[in-house]
Each structure stands twice: as structure tokens, then as C-alpha cells.
């Protein structure tokens, strides 16, 4: 059985988001830009009103990195577009900008909730 994370990586790699450079937790030192790292923020069962069957809501944070602000923004948009076009039931929860002073890289942090 394929995990949600494996499905997401396949979707993003197939759409060539960040050139397929998608990493769990953190990108390796010196990884080519742009790239995306991701991790599960939470995964909790949730009841539905429609039929009463429980579903799982999994919230995942994606960090899109690039050497320019516009590059990080474009990578985050490509990520959002690829997930919106996928068959996964998801909802964009939030997005915000950041800058990593240690690596001197721009970052867009985007959280999505997935329902399964």
C-alpha cells in the first residue's frame, strides 16, 4: 500500500515540481535549488457529517526553497497547482514567506490538509 507521502512525492515529481527534488524533513546539505522539503505536522481521525465514517486528516508542511524570492514563490505555486490538479482530497491551510539566514535561501512555507 502506498503511503500518502509517497503519493505526494510521485505527484510532484511527475509534474516536475522543483525538478523532482522533494525531500522528507530536510534537504541534504548543498542540495540543488529549487527544492522542497516536507514533514507531517499532524494526522488525526475526524468524523464526517455525511455518513458518519471516520476519515483521517493529515496536515503536511512543505518548505519551498530557492536562491531568489520569485523562485521560491514560483516553486510554491507549482506545488499548489500540482496538488490541486491531483486526485488527492486536500485543502491549502496557510502560506507564508521566510528567509533562512544560515543558507541565504528564500523559503515559502505552505501547509496542506489531506483527507483520506
C-alpha atoms as a PDB file:
ATOM      1  CA  UNK A   1       0.000   0.000   0.000  1.00  0.00           C
ATOM      2  CA  UNK A   2       1.352   3.391  -0.984  1.00  0.00           C
ATOM      3  CA  UNK A   3       1.598   5.992   1.781  1.00  0.00           C
ATOM      4  CA  UNK A   4       0.218   9.498   1.434  1.00  0.00           C
ATOM      5  CA  UNK A   5       3.740  10.893   1.397  1.00  0.00           C
ATOM      6  CA  UNK A   6       4.760   8.532  -1.416  1.00  0.00           C
ATOM      7  CA  UNK A   7       1.694   9.566  -3.413  1.00  0.00           C
ATOM      8  CA  UNK A   8       2.519  13.247  -2.939  1.00  0.00           C
ATOM      9  CA  UNK A   9       6.168  12.811  -3.961  1.00  0.00           C
ATOM     10  CA  UNK A  10       5.065  10.912  -7.088  1.00  0.00           C
ATOM     11  CA  UNK A  11       2.568  13.664  -7.997  1.00  0.00           C
ATOM     12  CA  UNK A  12       5.149  16.416  -7.529  1.00  0.00           C
ATOM     13  CA  UNK A  13       7.940  14.532  -9.334  1.00  0.00           C
ATOM     14  CA  UNK A  14       5.634  13.683 -12.250  1.00  0.00           C
ATOM     15  CA  UNK A  15       4.725  17.379 -12.556  1.00  0.00           C
ATOM     16  CA  UNK A  16       8.470  18.194 -12.358  1.00  0.00           C
ATOM     17  CA  UNK A  17       7.918  20.499  -9.393  1.00  0.00           C
ATOM     18  CA  UNK A  18      11.318  21.721  -8.143  1.00  0.00           C
ATOM     19  CA  UNK A  19      12.924  19.482 -10.741  1.00  0.00           C
ATOM     20  CA  UNK A  20      11.761  16.475  -8.706  1.00  0.00           C
ATOM     21  CA  UNK A  21      13.941  17.483  -5.734  1.00  0.00           C
ATOM     22  CA  UNK A  22      11.450  16.627  -2.969  1.00  0.00           C
ATOM     23  CA  UNK A  23      12.913  15.594   0.404  1.00  0.00           C
ATOM     24  CA  UNK A  24      11.400  14.304   3.657  1.00  0.00           C
ATOM     25  CA  UNK A  25      12.171  16.576   6.629  1.00  0.00           C
ATOM     26  CA  UNK A  26      15.210  18.436   5.276  1.00  0.00           C
ATOM     27  CA  UNK A  27      17.135  18.684   2.012  1.00  0.00           C
ATOM     28  CA  UNK A  28      20.704  17.375   2.069  1.00  0.00           C
ATOM     29  CA  UNK A  29      23.489  19.941   2.510  1.00  0.00           C
ATOM     30  CA  UNK A  30      24.295  21.560  -0.800  1.00  0.00           C
ATOM     31  CA  UNK A  31      21.110  20.284  -2.498  1.00  0.00           C
ATOM     32  CA  UNK A  32      20.417  21.892  -5.851  1.00  0.00           C
ATOM     33  CA  UNK A  33      17.836  24.667  -5.825  1.00  0.00           C
ATOM     34  CA  UNK A  34      14.940  24.896  -6.136  1.00  0.00           C
ATOM     35  CA  UNK A  35      13.888  22.113  -3.794  1.00  0.00           C
ATOM     36  CA  UNK A  36      11.083  21.216  -1.415  1.00  0.00           C
ATOM     37  CA  UNK A  37      11.212  19.557   1.975  1.00  0.00           C
ATOM     38  CA  UNK A  38       8.124  18.293   3.766  1.00  0.00           C
ATOM     39  CA  UNK A  39       7.003  16.776   7.048  1.00  0.00           C
ATOM     40  CA  UNK A  40       3.782  15.648   8.697  1.00  0.00           C
ATOM     41  CA  UNK A  41       2.540  18.213  11.214  1.00  0.00           C
ATOM     42  CA  UNK A  42      -0.356  16.068  12.444  1.00  0.00           C
ATOM     43  CA  UNK A  43      -2.524  13.128  11.468  1.00  0.00           C
ATOM     44  CA  UNK A  44      -5.805  12.672  13.318  1.00  0.00           C
ATOM     45  CA  UNK A  45      -9.056  10.782  12.742  1.00  0.00           C
ATOM     46  CA  UNK A  46     -12.017  13.043  12.046  1.00  0.00           C
ATOM     47  CA  UNK A  47     -15.727  12.242  11.898  1.00  0.00           C
ATOM     48  CA  UNK A  48     -17.788  13.198   8.872  1.00  0.00           C
ATOM     49  CA  UNK A  49     -21.308  14.573   8.976  1.00  0.00           C
ATOM     50  CA  UNK A  50     -22.392  12.947   5.719  1.00  0.00           C
ATOM     51  CA  UNK A  51     -22.128   9.255   6.529  1.00  0.00           C
ATOM     52  CA  UNK A  52     -20.526   9.010   9.956  1.00  0.00           C
ATOM     53  CA  UNK A  53     -17.479   7.088   8.695  1.00  0.00           C
ATOM     54  CA  UNK A  54     -14.240   8.388  10.148  1.00  0.00           C
ATOM     55  CA  UNK A  55     -11.625   9.882   7.883  1.00  0.00           C
ATOM     56  CA  UNK A  56      -8.065  10.894   8.628  1.00  0.00           C
ATOM     57  CA  UNK A  57      -6.941  14.492   8.284  1.00  0.00           C
ATOM     58  CA  UNK A  58      -3.194  14.697   7.711  1.00  0.00           C
ATOM     59  CA  UNK A  59      -1.574  18.115   7.748  1.00  0.00           C
ATOM     60  CA  UNK A  60       1.731  18.407   5.904  1.00  0.00           C
ATOM     61  CA  UNK A  61       4.087  21.382   5.801  1.00  0.00           C
ATOM     62  CA  UNK A  62       6.005  21.979   2.585  1.00  0.00           C
ATOM     63  CA  UNK A  63       9.026  24.301   2.515  1.00  0.00           C
ATOM     64  CA  UNK A  64       9.848  25.567  -0.988  1.00  0.00           C
ATOM     65  CA  UNK A  65      13.422  26.893  -1.244  1.00  0.00           C
ATOM     66  CA  UNK A  66      15.218  28.862  -3.929  1.00  0.00           C
ATOM     67  CA  UNK A  67      18.007  31.410  -4.257  1.00  0.00           C
ATOM     68  CA  UNK A  68      15.534  34.167  -5.195  1.00  0.00           C
ATOM     69  CA  UNK A  69      12.233  35.266  -3.721  1.00  0.00           C
ATOM     70  CA  UNK A  70      10.468  34.945  -7.066  1.00  0.00           C
ATOM     71  CA  UNK A  71      11.915  31.446  -7.498  1.00  0.00           C
ATOM     72  CA  UNK A  72      10.641  30.295  -4.106  1.00  0.00           C
ATOM     73  CA  UNK A  73       7.226  31.807  -4.900  1.00  0.00           C
ATOM     74  CA  UNK A  74       7.128  30.043  -8.294  1.00  0.00           C
ATOM     75  CA  UNK A  75       8.078  26.709  -6.712  1.00  0.00           C
ATOM     76  CA  UNK A  76       5.346  27.079  -4.064  1.00  0.00           C
ATOM     77  CA  UNK A  77       2.800  27.921  -6.792  1.00  0.00           C
ATOM     78  CA  UNK A  78       3.847  24.874  -8.838  1.00  0.00           C
ATOM     79  CA  UNK A  79       3.425  22.757  -5.697  1.00  0.00           C
ATOM     80  CA  UNK A  80      -0.074  24.162  -5.084  1.00  0.00           C
ATOM     81  CA  UNK A  81      -1.073  23.744  -8.720  1.00  0.00           C
ATOM     82  CA  UNK A  82       0.124  20.114  -8.844  1.00  0.00           C
ATOM     83  CA  UNK A  83      -1.753  19.201  -5.657  1.00  0.00           C
ATOM     84  CA  UNK A  84      -4.916  20.998  -6.852  1.00  0.00           C
ATOM     85  CA  UNK A  85      -4.807  19.021 -10.109  1.00  0.00           C
ATOM     86  CA  UNK A  86      -4.284  15.704  -8.316  1.00  0.00           C
ATOM     87  CA  UNK A  87      -6.913  13.213  -7.210  1.00  0.00           C
ATOM     88  CA  UNK A  88      -5.940  13.699  -3.551  1.00  0.00           C
ATOM     89  CA  UNK A  89      -8.546  15.459  -1.433  1.00  0.00           C
ATOM     90  CA  UNK A  90      -6.660  18.416   0.004  1.00  0.00           C
ATOM     91  CA  UNK A  91      -7.037  21.950   1.254  1.00  0.00           C
ATOM     92  CA  UNK A  92      -4.392  24.674   1.433  1.00  0.00           C
ATOM     93  CA  UNK A  93      -4.341  25.821   5.061  1.00  0.00           C
ATOM     94  CA  UNK A  94      -1.758  28.602   5.021  1.00  0.00           C
ATOM     95  CA  UNK A  95       1.273  30.053   3.289  1.00  0.00           C
ATOM     96  CA  UNK A  96       3.934  32.449   4.467  1.00  0.00           C
ATOM     97  CA  UNK A  97       7.324  33.715   3.377  1.00  0.00           C
ATOM     98  CA  UNK A  98      10.614  33.280   5.167  1.00  0.00           C
ATOM     99  CA  UNK A  99      14.338  33.722   4.643  1.00  0.00           C
ATOM    100  CA  UNK A 100      16.993  31.366   6.004  1.00  0.00           C
ATOM    101  CA  UNK A 101      19.953  33.445   7.184  1.00  0.00           C
ATOM    102  CA  UNK A 102      22.226  30.405   7.544  1.00  0.00           C
ATOM    103  CA  UNK A 103      21.815  29.200   3.963  1.00  0.00           C
ATOM    104  CA  UNK A 104      20.842  32.585   2.465  1.00  0.00           C
ATOM    105  CA  UNK A 105      17.843  30.943   0.769  1.00  0.00           C
ATOM    106  CA  UNK A 106      14.308  32.182   0.330  1.00  0.00           C
ATOM    107  CA  UNK A 107      11.552  29.914   1.607  1.00  0.00           C
ATOM    108  CA  UNK A 108       7.808  29.733   1.198  1.00  0.00           C
ATOM    109  CA  UNK A 109       6.128  27.655   3.898  1.00  0.00           C
ATOM    110  CA  UNK A 110       2.847  26.094   2.763  1.00  0.00           C
ATOM    111  CA  UNK A 111       0.600  23.827   4.831  1.00  0.00           C
ATOM    112  CA  UNK A 112      -1.990  21.499   3.322  1.00  0.00           C
ATOM    113  CA  UNK A 113      -4.562  19.247   4.921  1.00  0.00           C
ATOM    114  CA  UNK A 114      -5.202  15.918   3.184  1.00  0.00           C
ATOM    115  CA  UNK A 115      -8.271  13.799   3.835  1.00  0.00           C
ATOM    116  CA  UNK A 116      -8.387  10.026   3.392  1.00  0.00           C
END
